[in-house]
Every structure is written in C-alpha cells, then in structure tokens.
PDB file of N, CA and C in Angstrom:
ATOM      1  N   MET A   1       0.814  -1.188   0.000  1.00  0.00           N
ATOM      2  CA  MET A   1       0.000   0.000   0.000  1.00  0.00           C
ATOM      3  C   MET A   1       0.860   1.256   0.000  1.00  0.00           C
ATOM      4  N   ALA A   2       2.074   1.213   0.524  1.00  0.00           N
ATOM      5  CA  ALA A   2       2.948   2.377   0.586  1.00  0.00           C
ATOM      6  C   ALA A   2       3.502   2.728  -0.790  1.00  0.00           C
ATOM      7  N   ARG A   3       3.356   1.837  -1.755  1.00  0.00           N
ATOM      8  CA  ARG A   3       3.893   2.081  -3.091  1.00  0.00           C
ATOM      9  C   ARG A   3       3.047   3.093  -3.858  1.00  0.00           C
ATOM     10  N   ALA A   4       1.773   3.204  -3.550  1.00  0.00           N
ATOM     11  CA  ALA A   4       0.882   4.104  -4.278  1.00  0.00           C
ATOM     12  C   ALA A   4       1.308   5.572  -4.160  1.00  0.00           C
ATOM     13  N   PRO A   5       1.619   6.081  -2.974  1.00  0.00           N
ATOM     14  CA  PRO A   5       2.050   7.486  -2.893  1.00  0.00           C
ATOM     15  C   PRO A   5       3.359   7.741  -3.641  1.00  0.00           C
ATOM     16  N   VAL A   6       4.269   6.793  -3.591  1.00  0.00           N
ATOM     17  CA  VAL A   6       5.545   6.948  -4.293  1.00  0.00           C
ATOM     18  C   VAL A   6       5.309   6.959  -5.796  1.00  0.00           C
ATOM     19  N   LEU A   7       4.482   6.071  -6.272  1.00  0.00           N
ATOM     20  CA  LEU A   7       4.169   6.010  -7.694  1.00  0.00           C
ATOM     21  C   LEU A   7       3.451   7.278  -8.146  1.00  0.00           C
ATOM     22  N   THR A   8       2.541   7.757  -7.334  1.00  0.00           N
ATOM     23  CA  THR A   8       1.835   9.004  -7.651  1.00  0.00           C
ATOM     24  C   THR A   8       2.812  10.172  -7.736  1.00  0.00           C
ATOM     25  N   ALA A   9       3.757  10.252  -6.817  1.00  0.00           N
ATOM     26  CA  ALA A   9       4.754  11.329  -6.823  1.00  0.00           C
ATOM     27  C   ALA A   9       5.630  11.254  -8.068  1.00  0.00           C
ATOM     28  N   ILE A  10       6.017  10.062  -8.465  1.00  0.00           N
ATOM     29  CA  ILE A  10       6.847   9.878  -9.658  1.00  0.00           C
ATOM     30  C   ILE A  10       6.083  10.297 -10.903  1.00  0.00           C
ATOM     31  N   VAL A  11       4.842   9.889 -11.016  1.00  0.00           N
ATOM     32  CA  VAL A  11       4.024  10.243 -12.177  1.00  0.00           C
ATOM     33  C   VAL A  11       3.782  11.756 -12.224  1.00  0.00           C
ATOM     34  N   ALA A  12       3.503  12.361 -11.079  1.00  0.00           N
ATOM     35  CA  ALA A  12       3.272  13.809 -11.035  1.00  0.00           C
ATOM     36  C   ALA A  12       4.532  14.574 -11.432  1.00  0.00           C
ATOM     37  N   THR A  13       5.683  14.143 -10.935  1.00  0.00           N
ATOM     38  CA  THR A  13       6.949  14.783 -11.291  1.00  0.00           C
ATOM     39  C   THR A  13       7.229  14.653 -12.779  1.00  0.00           C
ATOM     40  N   ALA A  14       6.973  13.491 -13.337  1.00  0.00           N
ATOM     41  CA  ALA A  14       7.175  13.286 -14.769  1.00  0.00           C
ATOM     42  C   ALA A  14       6.236  14.168 -15.591  1.00  0.00           C
ATOM     43  N   ALA A  15       4.998  14.303 -15.145  1.00  0.00           N
ATOM     44  CA  ALA A  15       4.024  15.129 -15.864  1.00  0.00           C
ATOM     45  C   ALA A  15       4.412  16.609 -15.835  1.00  0.00           C
ATOM     46  N   VAL A  16       4.857  17.096 -14.692  1.00  0.00           N
ATOM     47  CA  VAL A  16       5.275  18.498 -14.579  1.00  0.00           C
ATOM     48  C   VAL A  16       6.511  18.752 -15.437  1.00  0.00           C
ATOM     49  N   THR A  17       7.463  17.834 -15.415  1.00  0.00           N
ATOM     50  CA  THR A  17       8.673  17.977 -16.231  1.00  0.00           C
ATOM     51  C   THR A  17       8.330  17.961 -17.714  1.00  0.00           C
ATOM     52  N   ALA A  18       7.462  17.065 -18.130  1.00  0.00           N
ATOM     53  CA  ALA A  18       7.051  17.010 -19.536  1.00  0.00           C
ATOM     54  C   ALA A  18       6.319  18.282 -19.932  1.00  0.00           C
ATOM     55  N   GLY A  19       5.459  18.781 -19.053  1.00  0.00           N
ATOM     56  CA  GLY A  19       4.744  20.030 -19.332  1.00  0.00           C
ATOM     57  C   GLY A  19       5.696  21.204 -19.462  1.00  0.00           C
ATOM     58  N   ALA A  20       6.699  21.264 -18.598  1.00  0.00           N
ATOM     59  CA  ALA A  20       7.679  22.348 -18.663  1.00  0.00           C
ATOM     60  C   ALA A  20       8.455  22.282 -19.968  1.00  0.00           C
ATOM     61  N   ALA A  21       8.811  21.090 -20.410  1.00  0.00           N
ATOM     62  CA  ALA A  21       9.553  20.940 -21.667  1.00  0.00           C
ATOM     63  C   ALA A  21       8.694  21.348 -22.859  1.00  0.00           C
ATOM     64  N   VAL A  22       7.440  20.976 -22.854  1.00  0.00           N
ATOM     65  CA  VAL A  22       6.539  21.300 -23.965  1.00  0.00           C
ATOM     66  C   VAL A  22       6.276  22.801 -24.037  1.00  0.00           C
ATOM     67  N   PHE A  23       6.112  23.450 -22.892  1.00  0.00           N
ATOM     68  CA  PHE A  23       5.768  24.867 -22.858  1.00  0.00           C
ATOM     69  C   PHE A  23       6.969  25.784 -22.661  1.00  0.00           C
ATOM     70  N   ASN A  24       8.194  25.273 -22.840  1.00  0.00           N
ATOM     71  CA  ASN A  24       9.390  26.105 -22.731  1.00  0.00           C
ATOM     72  C   ASN A  24       9.313  27.214 -23.778  1.00  0.00           C
ATOM     73  N   PRO A  25       9.452  28.487 -23.389  1.00  0.00           N
ATOM     74  CA  PRO A  25       9.329  29.585 -24.350  1.00  0.00           C
ATOM     75  C   PRO A  25      10.373  29.516 -25.467  1.00  0.00           C
ATOM     76  N   THR A  26       9.955  29.901 -26.653  1.00  0.00           N
ATOM     77  CA  THR A  26      10.835  29.895 -27.826  1.00  0.00           C
ATOM     78  C   THR A  26      11.682  31.164 -27.851  1.00  0.00           C
ATOM     79  N   PRO A  27      12.704  31.192 -28.698  1.00  0.00           N
ATOM     80  CA  PRO A  27      13.491  32.429 -28.830  1.00  0.00           C
ATOM     81  C   PRO A  27      12.624  33.618 -29.253  1.00  0.00           C
ATOM     82  N   GLU A  28      11.657  33.377 -30.112  1.00  0.00           N
ATOM     83  CA  GLU A  28      10.779  34.456 -30.566  1.00  0.00           C
ATOM     84  C   GLU A  28       9.941  35.025 -29.418  1.00  0.00           C
ATOM     85  N   GLN A  29       9.483  34.155 -28.520  1.00  0.00           N
ATOM     86  CA  GLN A  29       8.714  34.622 -27.365  1.00  0.00           C
ATOM     87  C   GLN A  29       9.583  35.487 -26.452  1.00  0.00           C
ATOM     88  N   HIS A  30      10.836  35.078 -26.254  1.00  0.00           N
ATOM     89  CA  HIS A  30      11.752  35.884 -25.445  1.00  0.00           C
ATOM     90  C   HIS A  30      11.973  37.248 -26.098  1.00  0.00           C
ATOM     91  N   ARG A  31      12.247  37.253 -27.388  1.00  0.00           N
ATOM     92  CA  ARG A  31      12.543  38.511 -28.079  1.00  0.00           C
ATOM     93  C   ARG A  31      11.331  39.458 -28.085  1.00  0.00           C
ATOM     94  N   ALA A  32      10.151  38.908 -28.287  1.00  0.00           N
ATOM     95  CA  ALA A  32       8.943  39.738 -28.268  1.00  0.00           C
ATOM     96  C   ALA A  32       8.726  40.344 -26.890  1.00  0.00           C
ATOM     97  N   ARG A  33       8.951  39.577 -25.860  1.00  0.00           N
ATOM     98  CA  ARG A  33       8.755  40.073 -24.489  1.00  0.00           C
ATOM     99  C   ARG A  33       9.797  41.133 -24.134  1.00  0.00           C
ATOM    100  N   ILE A  34      11.048  40.969 -24.626  1.00  0.00           N
ATOM    101  CA  ILE A  34      12.091  41.967 -24.382  1.00  0.00           C
ATOM    102  C   ILE A  34      11.689  43.295 -25.026  1.00  0.00           C
ATOM    103  N   LYS A  35      11.245  43.241 -26.279  1.00  0.00           N
ATOM    104  CA  LYS A  35      10.803  44.457 -26.974  1.00  0.00           C
ATOM    105  C   LYS A  35       9.681  45.141 -26.207  1.00  0.00           C
ATOM    106  N   GLN A  36       8.704  44.355 -25.776  1.00  0.00           N
ATOM    107  CA  GLN A  36       7.552  44.895 -25.057  1.00  0.00           C
ATOM    108  C   GLN A  36       7.975  45.522 -23.727  1.00  0.00           C
ATOM    109  N   ALA A  37       8.834  44.846 -22.990  1.00  0.00           N
ATOM    110  CA  ALA A  37       9.251  45.349 -21.674  1.00  0.00           C
ATOM    111  C   ALA A  37      10.032  46.652 -21.800  1.00  0.00           C
ATOM    112  N   ILE A  38      10.902  46.751 -22.784  1.00  0.00           N
ATOM    113  CA  ILE A  38      11.684  47.974 -22.954  1.00  0.00           C
ATOM    114  C   ILE A  38      10.773  49.124 -23.358  1.00  0.00           C
ATOM    115  N   ALA A  39       9.816  48.857 -24.233  1.00  0.00           N
ATOM    116  CA  ALA A  39       8.868  49.907 -24.649  1.00  0.00           C
ATOM    117  C   ALA A  39       8.002  50.369 -23.474  1.00  0.00           C
ATOM    118  N   GLU A  40       7.634  49.441 -22.581  1.00  0.00           N
ATOM    119  CA  GLU A  40       6.837  49.804 -21.401  1.00  0.00           C
ATOM    120  C   GLU A  40       7.643  50.647 -20.420  1.00  0.00           C
ATOM    121  N   ARG A  41       8.921  50.319 -20.263  1.00  0.00           N
ATOM    122  CA  ARG A  41       9.765  51.032 -19.306  1.00  0.00           C
ATOM    123  C   ARG A  41      10.144  52.417 -19.806  1.00  0.00           C
ATOM    124  N   SER A  42      10.337  52.544 -21.122  1.00  0.00           N
ATOM    125  CA  SER A  42      10.736  53.829 -21.689  1.00  0.00           C
ATOM    126  C   SER A  42      10.116  53.979 -23.075  1.00  0.00           C
ATOM    127  N   PRO A  43       9.057  54.762 -23.195  1.00  0.00           N
ATOM    128  CA  PRO A  43       8.435  54.954 -24.503  1.00  0.00           C
ATOM    129  C   PRO A  43       9.405  55.516 -25.550  1.00  0.00           C
ATOM    130  N   ILE A  44      10.345  56.340 -25.114  1.00  0.00           N
ATOM    131  CA  ILE A  44      11.333  56.889 -26.059  1.00  0.00           C
ATOM    132  C   ILE A  44      12.224  55.768 -26.584  1.00  0.00           C
ATOM    133  N   ALA A  45      12.691  54.898 -25.700  1.00  0.00           N
ATOM    134  CA  ALA A  45      13.520  53.765 -26.121  1.00  0.00           C
ATOM    135  C   ALA A  45      12.726  52.845 -27.045  1.00  0.00           C
ATOM    136  N   GLY A  46      11.449  52.676 -26.756  1.00  0.00           N
ATOM    137  CA  GLY A  46      10.595  51.862 -27.622  1.00  0.00           C
ATOM    138  C   GLY A  46      10.463  52.469 -29.000  1.00  0.00           C
ATOM    139  N   ALA A  47      10.277  53.798 -29.054  1.00  0.00           N
ATOM    140  CA  ALA A  47      10.134  54.488 -30.334  1.00  0.00           C
ATOM    141  C   ALA A  47      11.428  54.445 -31.139  1.00  0.00           C
ATOM    142  N   LEU A  48      12.561  54.458 -30.451  1.00  0.00           N
ATOM    143  CA  LEU A  48      13.856  54.425 -31.139  1.00  0.00           C
ATOM    144  C   LEU A  48      14.283  53.009 -31.515  1.00  0.00           C
ATOM    145  N   GLY A  49      13.538  52.011 -31.074  1.00  0.00           N
ATOM    146  CA  GLY A  49      13.850  50.623 -31.434  1.00  0.00           C
ATOM    147  C   GLY A  49      14.912  49.973 -30.582  1.00  0.00           C
ATOM    148  N   VAL A  50      15.140  50.503 -29.389  1.00  0.00           N
ATOM    149  CA  VAL A  50      16.140  49.914 -28.503  1.00  0.00           C
ATOM    150  C   VAL A  50      15.762  48.480 -28.140  1.00  0.00           C
ATOM    151  N   GLY A  51      14.485  48.232 -27.918  1.00  0.00           N
ATOM    152  CA  GLY A  51      14.031  46.877 -27.581  1.00  0.00           C
ATOM    153  C   GLY A  51      14.276  45.908 -28.714  1.00  0.00           C
ATOM    154  N   ALA A  52      14.024  46.352 -29.951  1.00  0.00           N
ATOM    155  CA  ALA A  52      14.258  45.486 -31.111  1.00  0.00           C
ATOM    156  C   ALA A  52      15.741  45.178 -31.254  1.00  0.00           C
ATOM    157  N   LEU A  53      16.581  46.182 -31.018  1.00  0.00           N
ATOM    158  CA  LEU A  53      18.030  45.971 -31.112  1.00  0.00           C
ATOM    159  C   LEU A  53      18.505  45.016 -30.027  1.00  0.00           C
ATOM    160  N   THR A  54      18.044  45.226 -28.810  1.00  0.00           N
ATOM    161  CA  THR A  54      18.420  44.337 -27.708  1.00  0.00           C
ATOM    162  C   THR A  54      17.962  42.910 -27.990  1.00  0.00           C
ATOM    163  N   ALA A  55      16.738  42.760 -28.471  1.00  0.00           N
ATOM    164  CA  ALA A  55      16.215  41.431 -28.792  1.00  0.00           C
ATOM    165  C   ALA A  55      17.031  40.787 -29.910  1.00  0.00           C
ATOM    166  N   PHE A  56      17.447  41.587 -30.891  1.00  0.00           N
ATOM    167  CA  PHE A  56      18.197  41.059 -32.030  1.00  0.00           C
ATOM    168  C   PHE A  56      19.562  40.515 -31.599  1.00  0.00           C
ATOM    169  N   VAL A  57      20.248  41.207 -30.693  1.00  0.00           N
ATOM    170  CA  VAL A  57      21.592  40.786 -30.300  1.00  0.00           C
ATOM    171  C   VAL A  57      21.590  39.779 -29.151  1.00  0.00           C
ATOM    172  N   SER A  58      20.429  39.452 -28.632  1.00  0.00           N
ATOM    173  CA  SER A  58      20.370  38.504 -27.514  1.00  0.00           C
ATOM    174  C   SER A  58      20.643  37.079 -27.989  1.00  0.00           C
ATOM    175  N   SER A  59      21.224  36.294 -27.093  1.00  0.00           N
ATOM    176  CA  SER A  59      21.503  34.884 -27.356  1.00  0.00           C
ATOM    177  C   SER A  59      20.549  34.027 -26.527  1.00  0.00           C
ATOM    178  N   TYR A  60      19.896  33.082 -27.180  1.00  0.00           N
ATOM    179  CA  TYR A  60      18.909  32.215 -26.527  1.00  0.00           C
ATOM    180  C   TYR A  60      19.598  30.951 -26.016  1.00  0.00           C
ATOM    181  N   HIS A  61      19.262  30.554 -24.801  1.00  0.00           N
ATOM    182  CA  HIS A  61      19.809  29.341 -24.199  1.00  0.00           C
ATOM    183  C   HIS A  61      18.655  28.533 -23.612  1.00  0.00           C
ATOM    184  N   SER A  62      18.544  27.272 -24.005  1.00  0.00           N
ATOM    185  CA  SER A  62      17.489  26.405 -23.494  1.00  0.00           C
ATOM    186  C   SER A  62      18.091  25.327 -22.604  1.00  0.00           C
ATOM    187  N   MET A  63      17.421  25.080 -21.491  1.00  0.00           N
ATOM    188  CA  MET A  63      17.822  24.007 -20.586  1.00  0.00           C
ATOM    189  C   MET A  63      16.791  22.880 -20.609  1.00  0.00           C
ATOM    190  N   GLY A  64      15.982  22.843 -21.629  1.00  0.00           N
ATOM    191  CA  GLY A  64      14.962  21.806 -21.752  1.00  0.00           C
ATOM    192  C   GLY A  64      13.648  22.176 -21.102  1.00  0.00           C
ATOM    193  N   VAL A  65      13.692  22.474 -19.824  1.00  0.00           N
ATOM    194  CA  VAL A  65      12.467  22.818 -19.106  1.00  0.00           C
ATOM    195  C   VAL A  65      12.363  24.306 -18.804  1.00  0.00           C
ATOM    196  N   ALA A  66      13.412  25.042 -19.070  1.00  0.00           N
ATOM    197  CA  ALA A  66      13.447  26.492 -18.885  1.00  0.00           C
ATOM    198  C   ALA A  66      14.426  27.066 -19.898  1.00  0.00           C
ATOM    199  N   SER A  67      14.369  28.386 -20.082  1.00  0.00           N
ATOM    200  CA  SER A  67      15.263  29.027 -21.033  1.00  0.00           C
ATOM    201  C   SER A  67      15.585  30.437 -20.570  1.00  0.00           C
ATOM    202  N   TYR A  68      16.634  31.003 -21.168  1.00  0.00           N
ATOM    203  CA  TYR A  68      17.013  32.366 -20.832  1.00  0.00           C
ATOM    204  C   TYR A  68      17.738  32.981 -22.015  1.00  0.00           C
ATOM    205  N   THR A  69      17.804  34.314 -22.038  1.00  0.00           N
ATOM    206  CA  THR A  69      18.560  35.011 -23.065  1.00  0.00           C
ATOM    207  C   THR A  69      19.609  35.875 -22.384  1.00  0.00           C
ATOM    208  N   THR A  70      20.722  36.078 -23.091  1.00  0.00           N
ATOM    209  CA  THR A  70      21.804  36.906 -22.576  1.00  0.00           C
ATOM    210  C   THR A  70      22.217  37.931 -23.623  1.00  0.00           C
ATOM    211  N   VAL A  71      22.746  39.039 -23.134  1.00  0.00           N
ATOM    212  CA  VAL A  71      23.370  40.058 -23.972  1.00  0.00           C
ATOM    213  C   VAL A  71      24.668  40.429 -23.272  1.00  0.00           C
ATOM    214  N   ASP A  72      25.780  40.275 -23.964  1.00  0.00           N
ATOM    215  CA  ASP A  72      27.103  40.552 -23.389  1.00  0.00           C
ATOM    216  C   ASP A  72      27.327  39.802 -22.086  1.00  0.00           C
ATOM    217  N   GLY A  73      26.892  38.573 -22.006  1.00  0.00           N
ATOM    218  CA  GLY A  73      27.097  37.752 -20.829  1.00  0.00           C
ATOM    219  C   GLY A  73      26.161  38.040 -19.665  1.00  0.00           C
ATOM    220  N   LYS A  74      25.251  38.985 -19.820  1.00  0.00           N
ATOM    221  CA  LYS A  74      24.297  39.315 -18.761  1.00  0.00           C
ATOM    222  C   LYS A  74      22.930  38.736 -19.113  1.00  0.00           C
ATOM    223  N   THR A  75      22.294  38.109 -18.149  1.00  0.00           N
ATOM    224  CA  THR A  75      20.979  37.527 -18.371  1.00  0.00           C
ATOM    225  C   THR A  75      19.946  38.638 -18.504  1.00  0.00           C
ATOM    226  N   VAL A  76      19.184  38.592 -19.612  1.00  0.00           N
ATOM    227  CA  VAL A  76      18.189  39.618 -19.897  1.00  0.00           C
ATOM    228  C   VAL A  76      16.784  39.113 -19.586  1.00  0.00           C
ATOM    229  N   SER A  77      16.517  37.846 -19.919  1.00  0.00           N
ATOM    230  CA  SER A  77      15.185  37.291 -19.664  1.00  0.00           C
ATOM    231  C   SER A  77      15.295  35.827 -19.290  1.00  0.00           C
ATOM    232  N   VAL A  78      14.305  35.369 -18.529  1.00  0.00           N
ATOM    233  CA  VAL A  78      14.201  33.951 -18.168  1.00  0.00           C
ATOM    234  C   VAL A  78      12.775  33.500 -18.471  1.00  0.00           C
ATOM    235  N   GLY A  79      12.632  32.238 -18.813  1.00  0.00           N
ATOM    236  CA  GLY A  79      11.301  31.744 -19.144  1.00  0.00           C
ATOM    237  C   GLY A  79      11.112  30.293 -18.768  1.00  0.00           C
ATOM    238  N   ALA A  80       9.865  29.953 -18.461  1.00  0.00           N
ATOM    239  CA  ALA A  80       9.472  28.582 -18.156  1.00  0.00           C
ATOM    240  C   ALA A  80       7.953  28.503 -18.220  1.00  0.00           C
ATOM    241  N   PHE A  81       7.430  27.335 -18.536  1.00  0.00           N
ATOM    242  CA  PHE A  81       5.985  27.098 -18.579  1.00  0.00           C
ATOM    243  C   PHE A  81       5.255  28.104 -19.459  1.00  0.00           C
ATOM    244  N   GLY A  82       5.886  28.537 -20.552  1.00  0.00           N
ATOM    245  CA  GLY A  82       5.252  29.454 -21.484  1.00  0.00           C
ATOM    246  C   GLY A  82       5.284  30.914 -21.075  1.00  0.00           C
ATOM    247  N   MET A  83       5.919  31.238 -19.962  1.00  0.00           N
ATOM    248  CA  MET A  83       6.001  32.617 -19.487  1.00  0.00           C
ATOM    249  C   MET A  83       7.437  33.113 -19.598  1.00  0.00           C
ATOM    250  N   VAL A  84       7.592  34.379 -19.970  1.00  0.00           N
ATOM    251  CA  VAL A  84       8.907  34.995 -20.071  1.00  0.00           C
ATOM    252  C   VAL A  84       8.941  36.223 -19.165  1.00  0.00           C
ATOM    253  N   PHE A  85       9.995  36.341 -18.388  1.00  0.00           N
ATOM    254  CA  PHE A  85      10.170  37.467 -17.484  1.00  0.00           C
ATOM    255  C   PHE A  85      11.444  38.197 -17.858  1.00  0.00           C
ATOM    256  N   VAL A  86      11.329  39.499 -18.128  1.00  0.00           N
ATOM    257  CA  VAL A  86      12.488  40.325 -18.449  1.00  0.00           C
ATOM    258  C   VAL A  86      13.011  40.902 -17.138  1.00  0.00           C
ATOM    259  N   LEU A  87      14.302  40.725 -16.913  1.00  0.00           N
ATOM    260  CA  LEU A  87      14.907  41.158 -15.671  1.00  0.00           C
ATOM    261  C   LEU A  87      15.226  42.642 -15.702  1.00  0.00           C
ATOM    262  N   GLU A  88      15.134  43.273 -14.560  1.00  0.00           N
ATOM    263  CA  GLU A  88      15.499  44.691 -14.427  1.00  0.00           C
ATOM    264  C   GLU A  88      17.019  44.798 -14.534  1.00  0.00           C
ATOM    265  N   PRO A  89      17.513  45.831 -15.197  1.00  0.00           N
ATOM    266  CA  PRO A  89      18.965  46.012 -15.244  1.00  0.00           C
ATOM    267  C   PRO A  89      19.501  46.350 -13.853  1.00  0.00           C
ATOM    268  N   ALA A  90      20.720  45.905 -13.598  1.00  0.00           N
ATOM    269  CA  ALA A  90      21.329  46.166 -12.295  1.00  0.00           C
ATOM    270  C   ALA A  90      21.632  47.654 -12.161  1.00  0.00           C
ATOM    271  N   ARG A  91      21.288  48.217 -11.046  1.00  0.00           N
ATOM    272  CA  ARG A  91      21.546  49.636 -10.788  1.00  0.00           C
ATOM    273  C   ARG A  91      22.913  49.757 -10.120  1.00  0.00           C
ATOM    274  N   LYS A  92      23.688  50.711 -10.591  1.00  0.00           N
ATOM    275  CA  LYS A  92      25.027  50.891 -10.015  1.00  0.00           C
ATOM    276  C   LYS A  92      25.084  52.113  -9.161  1.00  0.00           C
TER     277      LYS A  92
END
C-alpha cells in the first residue's frame, strides 16, 4: 500500500517535467517580451527601437524545461511554462 504514494509522486513529477519541456518559451517569445518590456519602461527607447536591437543581439539558451537570453554575458530574460520574465537592469 505504501507504493501508491511513491508512484503518484513519480508520475506527477514526470508530468510536470514534460509540461515544462513542452511549454518552454521559444526564442521568438523571449525577443517579443524583451521588446515589449523595454517599450513599457521607456516609450522613447521603444520608439527608437532599442528593444528590437536588444532582442536582435540577444543569445537564446534552453535548458529543456526552462530558457534564458543573454546580452554581453548578462541575463536579460528567463522563461518557463510558457512565461517569459524580463529582468530589471542592475543599478550601479
């Protein structure tokens, strides 16, 4: 009888992992979200195409169940389960 909870946990973990892999955001989703976030933060930067430029030079990295983009070695966005989050730039 103790095997049922263990089996349920294994199946649930496998299902969540498979779901994360299926819904891992694509490079296009990351780039679109970067453009949108920059335009929201600064309408002038959005009008000048800074978001498009940043999205264009970003490098996409997938870990199977999650992904992220970098520009000049700095992480710009992270994504998982179909959602992409653009990180705030570090304040100096």
